[in-house]
Amino acid sequence: MNNKFVIILILMLLLSGCSNHSANNLPKGDDPVSWINFEGKKYEFYKTDVSVDDSLISTNEKTDADDGVESNLEIFKAESENGVSLFIQDPISKEWVEYRLK
């Protein structure tokens, strides 16, 4: 009887130690969903399916492991009254994705 109690106690301790009561893998409220590091600045996701025209200029740069997006996508740039925006084209949907400084 004493051995059963010890075994049950050990199992309960093991099971309670394996449970995850905190959400460590969830992003913090201020963390952007995706971002691009460009010229020492962090551009954060702004919106998708933006209509772009001939004003996009290639930066001759590609996304890499330091960015919060798929690697090896060409980065484009456009300047407007809102400042500088960066654009990448989603390889699957072919939609343009805009990134701005926060």
PDB file of N, CA and C in Angstrom:
ATOM      1  N   MET A   1       0.828  -1.195   0.000  1.00  0.00           N
ATOM      2  CA  MET A   1       0.000   0.000   0.000  1.00  0.00           C
ATOM      3  C   MET A   1       0.864   1.247   0.000  1.00  0.00           C
ATOM      4  N   ASN A   2       1.939   1.221   0.766  1.00  0.00           N
ATOM      5  CA  ASN A   2       2.843   2.359   0.854  1.00  0.00           C
ATOM      6  C   ASN A   2       3.553   2.598  -0.482  1.00  0.00           C
ATOM      7  N   ASN A   3       3.897   1.493  -1.179  1.00  0.00           N
ATOM      8  CA  ASN A   3       4.562   1.605  -2.480  1.00  0.00           C
ATOM      9  C   ASN A   3       3.639   2.232  -3.526  1.00  0.00           C
ATOM     10  N   LYS A   4       2.340   1.881  -3.498  1.00  0.00           N
ATOM     11  CA  LYS A   4       1.377   2.459  -4.432  1.00  0.00           C
ATOM     12  C   LYS A   4       1.272   3.965  -4.222  1.00  0.00           C
ATOM     13  N   PHE A   5       1.253   4.374  -2.975  1.00  0.00           N
ATOM     14  CA  PHE A   5       1.162   5.795  -2.661  1.00  0.00           C
ATOM     15  C   PHE A   5       2.371   6.551  -3.201  1.00  0.00           C
ATOM     16  N   VAL A   6       3.547   5.994  -3.037  1.00  0.00           N
ATOM     17  CA  VAL A   6       4.782   6.625  -3.518  1.00  0.00           C
ATOM     18  C   VAL A   6       4.771   6.709  -5.040  1.00  0.00           C
ATOM     19  N   ILE A   7       4.345   5.649  -5.705  1.00  0.00           N
ATOM     20  CA  ILE A   7       4.295   5.631  -7.171  1.00  0.00           C
ATOM     21  C   ILE A   7       3.292   6.658  -7.683  1.00  0.00           C
ATOM     22  N   ILE A   8       2.130   6.726  -7.063  1.00  0.00           N
ATOM     23  CA  ILE A   8       1.116   7.706  -7.458  1.00  0.00           C
ATOM     24  C   ILE A   8       1.632   9.123  -7.233  1.00  0.00           C
ATOM     25  N   LEU A   9       2.291   9.356  -6.128  1.00  0.00           N
ATOM     26  CA  LEU A   9       2.851  10.672  -5.832  1.00  0.00           C
ATOM     27  C   LEU A   9       3.905  11.068  -6.870  1.00  0.00           C
ATOM     28  N   ILE A  10       4.770  10.146  -7.232  1.00  0.00           N
ATOM     29  CA  ILE A  10       5.810  10.422  -8.236  1.00  0.00           C
ATOM     30  C   ILE A  10       5.174  10.716  -9.594  1.00  0.00           C
ATOM     31  N   LEU A  11       4.166   9.947  -9.974  1.00  0.00           N
ATOM     32  CA  LEU A  11       3.478  10.183 -11.243  1.00  0.00           C
ATOM     33  C   LEU A  11       2.804  11.551 -11.269  1.00  0.00           C
ATOM     34  N   MET A  12       2.184  11.918 -10.156  1.00  0.00           N
ATOM     35  CA  MET A  12       1.529  13.229 -10.085  1.00  0.00           C
ATOM     36  C   MET A  12       2.551  14.355 -10.202  1.00  0.00           C
ATOM     37  N   LEU A  13       3.694  14.204  -9.562  1.00  0.00           N
ATOM     38  CA  LEU A  13       4.743  15.219  -9.656  1.00  0.00           C
ATOM     39  C   LEU A  13       5.279  15.331 -11.082  1.00  0.00           C
ATOM     40  N   LEU A  14       5.479  14.194 -11.721  1.00  0.00           N
ATOM     41  CA  LEU A  14       5.962  14.207 -13.100  1.00  0.00           C
ATOM     42  C   LEU A  14       4.961  14.867 -14.037  1.00  0.00           C
ATOM     43  N   LEU A  15       3.697  14.519 -13.884  1.00  0.00           N
ATOM     44  CA  LEU A  15       2.669  15.091 -14.745  1.00  0.00           C
ATOM     45  C   LEU A  15       2.499  16.587 -14.524  1.00  0.00           C
ATOM     46  N   SER A  16       2.557  17.015 -13.289  1.00  0.00           N
ATOM     47  CA  SER A  16       2.406  18.452 -13.027  1.00  0.00           C
ATOM     48  C   SER A  16       3.630  19.231 -13.484  1.00  0.00           C
ATOM     49  N   GLY A  17       4.787  18.619 -13.467  1.00  0.00           N
ATOM     50  CA  GLY A  17       5.999  19.288 -13.935  1.00  0.00           C
ATOM     51  C   GLY A  17       6.064  19.396 -15.438  1.00  0.00           C
ATOM     52  N   CYS A  18       5.356  18.540 -16.148  1.00  0.00           N
ATOM     53  CA  CYS A  18       5.380  18.553 -17.611  1.00  0.00           C
ATOM     54  C   CYS A  18       4.349  19.495 -18.208  1.00  0.00           C
ATOM     55  N   SER A  19       3.426  19.963 -17.408  1.00  0.00           N
ATOM     56  CA  SER A  19       2.401  20.849 -17.956  1.00  0.00           C
ATOM     57  C   SER A  19       2.955  22.256 -18.117  1.00  0.00           C
ATOM     58  N   ASN A  20       2.464  22.946 -19.111  1.00  0.00           N
ATOM     59  CA  ASN A  20       2.917  24.305 -19.400  1.00  0.00           C
ATOM     60  C   ASN A  20       1.801  25.269 -19.028  1.00  0.00           C
ATOM     61  N   HIS A  21       1.981  25.981 -17.940  1.00  0.00           N
ATOM     62  CA  HIS A  21       0.961  26.913 -17.483  1.00  0.00           C
ATOM     63  C   HIS A  21       1.156  28.312 -18.040  1.00  0.00           C
ATOM     64  N   SER A  22       2.251  28.556 -18.725  1.00  0.00           N
ATOM     65  CA  SER A  22       2.482  29.883 -19.295  1.00  0.00           C
ATOM     66  C   SER A  22       2.579  29.778 -20.806  1.00  0.00           C
ATOM     67  N   ALA A  23       2.257  30.875 -21.462  1.00  0.00           N
ATOM     68  CA  ALA A  23       2.280  30.910 -22.922  1.00  0.00           C
ATOM     69  C   ALA A  23       3.568  31.572 -23.389  1.00  0.00           C
ATOM     70  N   ASN A  24       4.684  30.892 -23.199  1.00  0.00           N
ATOM     71  CA  ASN A  24       5.973  31.456 -23.584  1.00  0.00           C
ATOM     72  C   ASN A  24       6.149  31.544 -25.085  1.00  0.00           C
ATOM     73  N   ASN A  25       5.431  30.737 -25.832  1.00  0.00           N
ATOM     74  CA  ASN A  25       5.614  30.721 -27.271  1.00  0.00           C
ATOM     75  C   ASN A  25       4.721  31.718 -28.005  1.00  0.00           C
ATOM     76  N   LEU A  26       3.893  32.455 -27.302  1.00  0.00           N
ATOM     77  CA  LEU A  26       3.039  33.446 -27.933  1.00  0.00           C
ATOM     78  C   LEU A  26       3.774  34.774 -28.048  1.00  0.00           C
ATOM     79  N   PRO A  27       3.541  35.517 -29.147  1.00  0.00           N
ATOM     80  CA  PRO A  27       4.215  36.810 -29.279  1.00  0.00           C
ATOM     81  C   PRO A  27       3.690  37.806 -28.256  1.00  0.00           C
ATOM     82  N   LYS A  28       4.555  38.712 -27.869  1.00  0.00           N
ATOM     83  CA  LYS A  28       4.140  39.770 -26.956  1.00  0.00           C
ATOM     84  C   LYS A  28       3.256  40.742 -27.720  1.00  0.00           C
ATOM     85  N   GLY A  29       2.495  41.534 -27.006  1.00  0.00           N
ATOM     86  CA  GLY A  29       1.580  42.467 -27.643  1.00  0.00           C
ATOM     87  C   GLY A  29       2.254  43.458 -28.567  1.00  0.00           C
ATOM     88  N   ASP A  30       3.475  43.851 -28.278  1.00  0.00           N
ATOM     89  CA  ASP A  30       4.165  44.841 -29.089  1.00  0.00           C
ATOM     90  C   ASP A  30       5.026  44.224 -30.184  1.00  0.00           C
ATOM     91  N   ASP A  31       5.150  42.912 -30.216  1.00  0.00           N
ATOM     92  CA  ASP A  31       5.969  42.264 -31.231  1.00  0.00           C
ATOM     93  C   ASP A  31       5.249  42.286 -32.575  1.00  0.00           C
ATOM     94  N   PRO A  32       5.919  42.722 -33.640  1.00  0.00           N
ATOM     95  CA  PRO A  32       5.273  42.707 -34.953  1.00  0.00           C
ATOM     96  C   PRO A  32       5.139  41.283 -35.478  1.00  0.00           C
ATOM     97  N   VAL A  33       4.167  41.094 -36.341  1.00  0.00           N
ATOM     98  CA  VAL A  33       3.946  39.786 -36.943  1.00  0.00           C
ATOM     99  C   VAL A  33       5.091  39.455 -37.891  1.00  0.00           C
ATOM    100  N   SER A  34       5.497  40.422 -38.690  1.00  0.00           N
ATOM    101  CA  SER A  34       6.643  40.244 -39.574  1.00  0.00           C
ATOM    102  C   SER A  34       7.341  41.584 -39.744  1.00  0.00           C
ATOM    103  N   TRP A  35       8.600  41.527 -40.130  1.00  0.00           N
ATOM    104  CA  TRP A  35       9.396  42.745 -40.241  1.00  0.00           C
ATOM    105  C   TRP A  35      10.536  42.531 -41.216  1.00  0.00           C
ATOM    106  N   ILE A  36      11.117  43.664 -41.632  1.00  0.00           N
ATOM    107  CA  ILE A  36      12.306  43.642 -42.482  1.00  0.00           C
ATOM    108  C   ILE A  36      13.313  44.600 -41.874  1.00  0.00           C
ATOM    109  N   ASN A  37      14.524  44.137 -41.657  1.00  0.00           N
ATOM    110  CA  ASN A  37      15.618  45.007 -41.221  1.00  0.00           C
ATOM    111  C   ASN A  37      16.300  45.540 -42.474  1.00  0.00           C
ATOM    112  N   PHE A  38      16.326  46.877 -42.605  1.00  0.00           N
ATOM    113  CA  PHE A  38      16.892  47.488 -43.807  1.00  0.00           C
ATOM    114  C   PHE A  38      17.654  48.747 -43.420  1.00  0.00           C
ATOM    115  N   GLU A  39      18.907  48.789 -43.779  1.00  0.00           N
ATOM    116  CA  GLU A  39      19.786  49.925 -43.485  1.00  0.00           C
ATOM    117  C   GLU A  39      19.768  50.283 -41.996  1.00  0.00           C
ATOM    118  N   GLY A  40      19.781  49.266 -41.150  1.00  0.00           N
ATOM    119  CA  GLY A  40      19.852  49.461 -39.711  1.00  0.00           C
ATOM    120  C   GLY A  40      18.544  49.840 -39.044  1.00  0.00           C
ATOM    121  N   LYS A  41      17.441  49.828 -39.786  1.00  0.00           N
ATOM    122  CA  LYS A  41      16.132  50.178 -39.228  1.00  0.00           C
ATOM    123  C   LYS A  41      15.182  48.999 -39.390  1.00  0.00           C
ATOM    124  N   LYS A  42      14.243  48.900 -38.448  1.00  0.00           N
ATOM    125  CA  LYS A  42      13.279  47.800 -38.468  1.00  0.00           C
ATOM    126  C   LYS A  42      11.954  48.304 -39.043  1.00  0.00           C
ATOM    127  N   TYR A  43      11.611  47.816 -40.216  1.00  0.00           N
ATOM    128  CA  TYR A  43      10.339  48.132 -40.858  1.00  0.00           C
ATOM    129  C   TYR A  43       9.356  47.027 -40.496  1.00  0.00           C
ATOM    130  N   GLU A  44       8.180  47.428 -40.000  1.00  0.00           N
ATOM    131  CA  GLU A  44       7.200  46.452 -39.538  1.00  0.00           C
ATOM    132  C   GLU A  44       6.047  46.327 -40.525  1.00  0.00           C
ATOM    133  N   PHE A  45       5.413  45.161 -40.506  1.00  0.00           N
ATOM    134  CA  PHE A  45       4.272  44.890 -41.383  1.00  0.00           C
ATOM    135  C   PHE A  45       3.247  46.003 -41.263  1.00  0.00           C
ATOM    136  N   TYR A  46       2.759  46.488 -42.407  1.00  0.00           N
ATOM    137  CA  TYR A  46       1.724  47.522 -42.414  1.00  0.00           C
ATOM    138  C   TYR A  46       0.424  46.971 -42.999  1.00  0.00           C
ATOM    139  N   LYS A  47       0.468  46.505 -44.239  1.00  0.00           N
ATOM    140  CA  LYS A  47      -0.735  45.918 -44.829  1.00  0.00           C
ATOM    141  C   LYS A  47      -0.375  45.111 -46.071  1.00  0.00           C
ATOM    142  N   THR A  48      -1.349  44.322 -46.533  1.00  0.00           N
ATOM    143  CA  THR A  48      -1.163  43.518 -47.741  1.00  0.00           C
ATOM    144  C   THR A  48      -2.090  44.003 -48.830  1.00  0.00           C
ATOM    145  N   ASP A  49      -1.896  43.445 -50.001  1.00  0.00           N
ATOM    146  CA  ASP A  49      -2.731  43.732 -51.165  1.00  0.00           C
ATOM    147  C   ASP A  49      -2.787  45.225 -51.453  1.00  0.00           C
ATOM    148  N   VAL A  50      -1.658  45.858 -51.373  1.00  0.00           N
ATOM    149  CA  VAL A  50      -1.588  47.276 -51.692  1.00  0.00           C
ATOM    150  C   VAL A  50      -1.436  47.418 -53.198  1.00  0.00           C
ATOM    151  N   SER A  51      -2.030  48.459 -53.722  1.00  0.00           N
ATOM    152  CA  SER A  51      -1.864  48.697 -55.154  1.00  0.00           C
ATOM    153  C   SER A  51      -0.585  49.503 -55.339  1.00  0.00           C
ATOM    154  N   VAL A  52       0.304  48.976 -56.119  1.00  0.00           N
ATOM    155  CA  VAL A  52       1.575  49.645 -56.368  1.00  0.00           C
ATOM    156  C   VAL A  52       1.634  50.040 -57.831  1.00  0.00           C
ATOM    157  N   ASP A  53       2.405  51.052 -58.082  1.00  0.00           N
ATOM    158  CA  ASP A  53       2.562  51.490 -59.461  1.00  0.00           C
ATOM    159  C   ASP A  53       4.036  51.435 -59.833  1.00  0.00           C
ATOM    160  N   ASP A  54       4.418  52.199 -60.805  1.00  0.00           N
ATOM    161  CA  ASP A  54       5.802  52.177 -61.277  1.00  0.00           C
ATOM    162  C   ASP A  54       6.761  52.900 -60.342  1.00  0.00           C
ATOM    163  N   SER A  55       6.273  53.373 -59.191  1.00  0.00           N
ATOM    164  CA  SER A  55       7.141  54.120 -58.277  1.00  0.00           C
ATOM    165  C   SER A  55       8.039  53.216 -57.439  1.00  0.00           C
ATOM    166  N   LEU A  56       7.836  51.903 -57.498  1.00  0.00           N
ATOM    167  CA  LEU A  56       8.679  50.988 -56.732  1.00  0.00           C
ATOM    168  C   LEU A  56      10.070  50.917 -57.348  1.00  0.00           C
ATOM    169  N   ILE A  57      11.057  51.019 -56.477  1.00  0.00           N
ATOM    170  CA  ILE A  57      12.449  50.957 -56.902  1.00  0.00           C
ATOM    171  C   ILE A  57      13.097  49.762 -56.214  1.00  0.00           C
ATOM    172  N   SER A  58      13.791  48.957 -56.980  1.00  0.00           N
ATOM    173  CA  SER A  58      14.495  47.820 -56.391  1.00  0.00           C
ATOM    174  C   SER A  58      15.636  48.333 -55.523  1.00  0.00           C
ATOM    175  N   THR A  59      15.794  47.743 -54.354  1.00  0.00           N
ATOM    176  CA  THR A  59      16.902  48.108 -53.464  1.00  0.00           C
ATOM    177  C   THR A  59      18.130  47.252 -53.743  1.00  0.00           C
ATOM    178  N   ASN A  60      17.979  46.282 -54.627  1.00  0.00           N
ATOM    179  CA  ASN A  60      19.036  45.300 -54.905  1.00  0.00           C
ATOM    180  C   ASN A  60      19.426  44.520 -53.653  1.00  0.00           C
ATOM    181  N   GLU A  61      18.498  44.420 -52.719  1.00  0.00           N
ATOM    182  CA  GLU A  61      18.683  43.653 -51.481  1.00  0.00           C
ATOM    183  C   GLU A  61      17.615  42.576 -51.429  1.00  0.00           C
ATOM    184  N   LYS A  62      17.908  41.513 -50.684  1.00  0.00           N
ATOM    185  CA  LYS A  62      16.935  40.441 -50.478  1.00  0.00           C
ATOM    186  C   LYS A  62      16.778  40.189 -48.987  1.00  0.00           C
ATOM    187  N   THR A  63      15.615  39.680 -48.613  1.00  0.00           N
ATOM    188  CA  THR A  63      15.385  39.345 -47.211  1.00  0.00           C
ATOM    189  C   THR A  63      16.301  38.193 -46.821  1.00  0.00           C
ATOM    190  N   ASP A  64      16.645  38.158 -45.521  1.00  0.00           N
ATOM    191  CA  ASP A  64      17.524  37.089 -45.042  1.00  0.00           C
ATOM    192  C   ASP A  64      17.066  36.600 -43.681  1.00  0.00           C
ATOM    193  N   ALA A  65      17.900  35.873 -42.994  1.00  0.00           N
ATOM    194  CA  ALA A  65      17.541  35.237 -41.724  1.00  0.00           C
ATOM    195  C   ALA A  65      17.250  36.243 -40.615  1.00  0.00           C
ATOM    196  N   ASP A  66      17.750  37.477 -40.726  1.00  0.00           N
ATOM    197  CA  ASP A  66      17.492  38.493 -39.702  1.00  0.00           C
ATOM    198  C   ASP A  66      16.101  39.102 -39.819  1.00  0.00           C
ATOM    199  N   ASP A  67      15.417  38.831 -40.896  1.00  0.00           N
ATOM    200  CA  ASP A  67      14.092  39.397 -41.124  1.00  0.00           C
ATOM    201  C   ASP A  67      13.015  38.429 -40.658  1.00  0.00           C
ATOM    202  N   GLY A  68      11.876  38.977 -40.319  1.00  0.00           N
ATOM    203  CA  GLY A  68      10.756  38.153 -39.869  1.00  0.00           C
ATOM    204  C   GLY A  68       9.857  37.743 -41.009  1.00  0.00           C
ATOM    205  N   VAL A  69      10.451  37.450 -42.156  1.00  0.00           N
ATOM    206  CA  VAL A  69       9.721  36.978 -43.330  1.00  0.00           C
ATOM    207  C   VAL A  69      10.552  35.888 -44.004  1.00  0.00           C
ATOM    208  N   GLU A  70       9.996  35.316 -45.042  1.00  0.00           N
ATOM    209  CA  GLU A  70      10.723  34.301 -45.810  1.00  0.00           C
ATOM    210  C   GLU A  70      12.004  34.903 -46.384  1.00  0.00           C
ATOM    211  N   SER A  71      13.058  34.151 -46.385  1.00  0.00           N
ATOM    212  CA  SER A  71      14.342  34.631 -46.902  1.00  0.00           C
ATOM    213  C   SER A  71      14.370  34.631 -48.426  1.00  0.00           C
ATOM    214  N   ASN A  72      15.249  35.467 -48.954  1.00  0.00           N
ATOM    215  CA  ASN A  72      15.564  35.532 -50.379  1.00  0.00           C
ATOM    216  C   ASN A  72      14.465  36.162 -51.230  1.00  0.00           C
ATOM    217  N   LEU A  73      13.645  37.052 -50.636  1.00  0.00           N
ATOM    218  CA  LEU A  73      12.654  37.802 -51.400  1.00  0.00           C
ATOM    219  C   LEU A  73      13.228  39.180 -51.709  1.00  0.00           C
ATOM    220  N   GLU A  74      13.042  39.644 -52.936  1.00  0.00           N
ATOM    221  CA  GLU A  74      13.580  40.946 -53.316  1.00  0.00           C
ATOM    222  C   GLU A  74      12.824  42.063 -52.593  1.00  0.00           C
ATOM    223  N   ILE A  75      13.574  43.046 -52.095  1.00  0.00           N
ATOM    224  CA  ILE A  75      12.998  44.177 -51.366  1.00  0.00           C
ATOM    225  C   ILE A  75      12.917  45.373 -52.306  1.00  0.00           C
ATOM    226  N   PHE A  76      11.730  45.983 -52.364  1.00  0.00           N
ATOM    227  CA  PHE A  76      11.512  47.189 -53.145  1.00  0.00           C
ATOM    228  C   PHE A  76      11.231  48.344 -52.197  1.00  0.00           C
ATOM    229  N   LYS A  77      11.423  49.563 -52.686  1.00  0.00           N
ATOM    230  CA  LYS A  77      11.266  50.747 -51.844  1.00  0.00           C
ATOM    231  C   LYS A  77      10.446  51.789 -52.594  1.00  0.00           C
ATOM    232  N   ALA A  78       9.645  52.550 -51.854  1.00  0.00           N
ATOM    233  CA  ALA A  78       8.892  53.668 -52.419  1.00  0.00           C
ATOM    234  C   ALA A  78       8.843  54.780 -51.386  1.00  0.00           C
ATOM    235  N   GLU A  79       8.956  56.011 -51.847  1.00  0.00           N
ATOM    236  CA  GLU A  79       8.859  57.171 -50.969  1.00  0.00           C
ATOM    237  C   GLU A  79       7.553  57.891 -51.253  1.00  0.00           C
ATOM    238  N   SER A  80       6.889  58.340 -50.177  1.00  0.00           N
ATOM    239  CA  SER A  80       5.630  59.077 -50.303  1.00  0.00           C
ATOM    240  C   SER A  80       5.561  60.113 -49.194  1.00  0.00           C
ATOM    241  N   GLU A  81       4.422  60.779 -49.094  1.00  0.00           N
ATOM    242  CA  GLU A  81       4.244  61.764 -48.022  1.00  0.00           C
ATOM    243  C   GLU A  81       4.247  61.105 -46.649  1.00  0.00           C
ATOM    244  N   ASN A  82       4.026  59.791 -46.597  1.00  0.00           N
ATOM    245  CA  ASN A  82       4.053  59.042 -45.334  1.00  0.00           C
ATOM    246  C   ASN A  82       5.451  58.574 -44.964  1.00  0.00           C
ATOM    247  N   GLY A  83       6.437  58.852 -45.802  1.00  0.00           N
ATOM    248  CA  GLY A  83       7.799  58.404 -45.547  1.00  0.00           C
ATOM    249  C   GLY A  83       8.178  57.271 -46.486  1.00  0.00           C
ATOM    250  N   VAL A  84       9.195  56.548 -46.104  1.00  0.00           N
ATOM    251  CA  VAL A  84       9.694  55.438 -46.922  1.00  0.00           C
ATOM    252  C   VAL A  84       8.969  54.153 -46.535  1.00  0.00           C
ATOM    253  N   SER A  85       8.506  53.430 -47.534  1.00  0.00           N
ATOM    254  CA  SER A  85       7.899  52.112 -47.325  1.00  0.00           C
ATOM    255  C   SER A  85       8.709  51.084 -48.086  1.00  0.00           C
ATOM    256  N   LEU A  86       8.778  49.896 -47.523  1.00  0.00           N
ATOM    257  CA  LEU A  86       9.410  48.771 -48.202  1.00  0.00           C
ATOM    258  C   LEU A  86       8.320  47.803 -48.639  1.00  0.00           C
ATOM    259  N   PHE A  87       8.570  47.106 -49.733  1.00  0.00           N
ATOM    260  CA  PHE A  87       7.600  46.169 -50.274  1.00  0.00           C
ATOM    261  C   PHE A  87       8.291  44.868 -50.649  1.00  0.00           C
ATOM    262  N   ILE A  88       7.592  43.770 -50.404  1.00  0.00           N
ATOM    263  CA  ILE A  88       7.996  42.475 -50.943  1.00  0.00           C
ATOM    264  C   ILE A  88       6.754  41.872 -51.573  1.00  0.00           C
ATOM    265  N   GLN A  89       6.960  40.980 -52.512  1.00  0.00           N
ATOM    266  CA  GLN A  89       5.826  40.304 -53.127  1.00  0.00           C
ATOM    267  C   GLN A  89       5.726  38.903 -52.551  1.00  0.00           C
ATOM    268  N   ASP A  90       4.546  38.597 -52.003  1.00  0.00           N
ATOM    269  CA  ASP A  90       4.324  37.268 -51.441  1.00  0.00           C
ATOM    270  C   ASP A  90       4.494  36.237 -52.552  1.00  0.00           C
ATOM    271  N   PRO A  91       5.361  35.243 -52.347  1.00  0.00           N
ATOM    272  CA  PRO A  91       5.634  34.285 -53.423  1.00  0.00           C
ATOM    273  C   PRO A  91       4.456  33.379 -53.767  1.00  0.00           C
ATOM    274  N   ILE A  92       3.513  33.224 -52.859  1.00  0.00           N
ATOM    275  CA  ILE A  92       2.383  32.328 -53.115  1.00  0.00           C
ATOM    276  C   ILE A  92       1.198  33.093 -53.693  1.00  0.00           C
ATOM    277  N   SER A  93       0.753  34.139 -52.987  1.00  0.00           N
ATOM    278  CA  SER A  93      -0.435  34.871 -53.423  1.00  0.00           C
ATOM    279  C   SER A  93      -0.120  35.947 -54.452  1.00  0.00           C
ATOM    280  N   LYS A  94       1.152  36.297 -54.591  1.00  0.00           N
ATOM    281  CA  LYS A  94       1.619  37.354 -55.500  1.00  0.00           C
ATOM    282  C   LYS A  94       1.118  38.737 -55.091  1.00  0.00           C
ATOM    283  N   GLU A  95       0.596  38.865 -53.869  1.00  0.00           N
ATOM    284  CA  GLU A  95       0.176  40.163 -53.353  1.00  0.00           C
ATOM    285  C   GLU A  95       1.398  40.926 -52.862  1.00  0.00           C
ATOM    286  N   TRP A  96       1.330  42.241 -52.960  1.00  0.00           N
ATOM    287  CA  TRP A  96       2.391  43.082 -52.425  1.00  0.00           C
ATOM    288  C   TRP A  96       2.142  43.297 -50.945  1.00  0.00           C
ATOM    289  N   VAL A  97       3.199  43.251 -50.163  1.00  0.00           N
ATOM    290  CA  VAL A  97       3.121  43.447 -48.712  1.00  0.00           C
ATOM    291  C   VAL A  97       3.949  44.676 -48.375  1.00  0.00           C
ATOM    292  N   GLU A  98       3.338  45.606 -47.641  1.00  0.00           N
ATOM    293  CA  GLU A  98       4.002  46.871 -47.310  1.00  0.00           C
ATOM    294  C   GLU A  98       4.517  46.856 -45.878  1.00  0.00           C
ATOM    295  N   TYR A  99       5.710  47.414 -45.696  1.00  0.00           N
ATOM    296  CA  TYR A  99       6.344  47.545 -44.384  1.00  0.00           C
ATOM    297  C   TYR A  99       6.715  49.002 -44.180  1.00  0.00           C
ATOM    298  N   ARG A 100       6.462  49.515 -42.969  1.00  0.00           N
ATOM    299  CA  ARG A 100       6.790  50.900 -42.626  1.00  0.00           C
ATOM    300  C   ARG A 100       7.533  50.948 -41.301  1.00  0.00           C
ATOM    301  N   LEU A 101       8.240  52.055 -41.102  1.00  0.00           N
ATOM    302  CA  LEU A 101       8.855  52.292 -39.798  1.00  0.00           C
ATOM    303  C   LEU A 101       7.753  52.537 -38.797  1.00  0.00           C
ATOM    304  N   LYS A 102       7.918  52.021 -37.610  1.00  0.00           N
ATOM    305  CA  LYS A 102       6.886  52.216 -36.582  1.00  0.00           C
ATOM    306  C   LYS A 102       7.000  53.581 -35.971  1.00  0.00           C
TER     307      LYS A 102
END
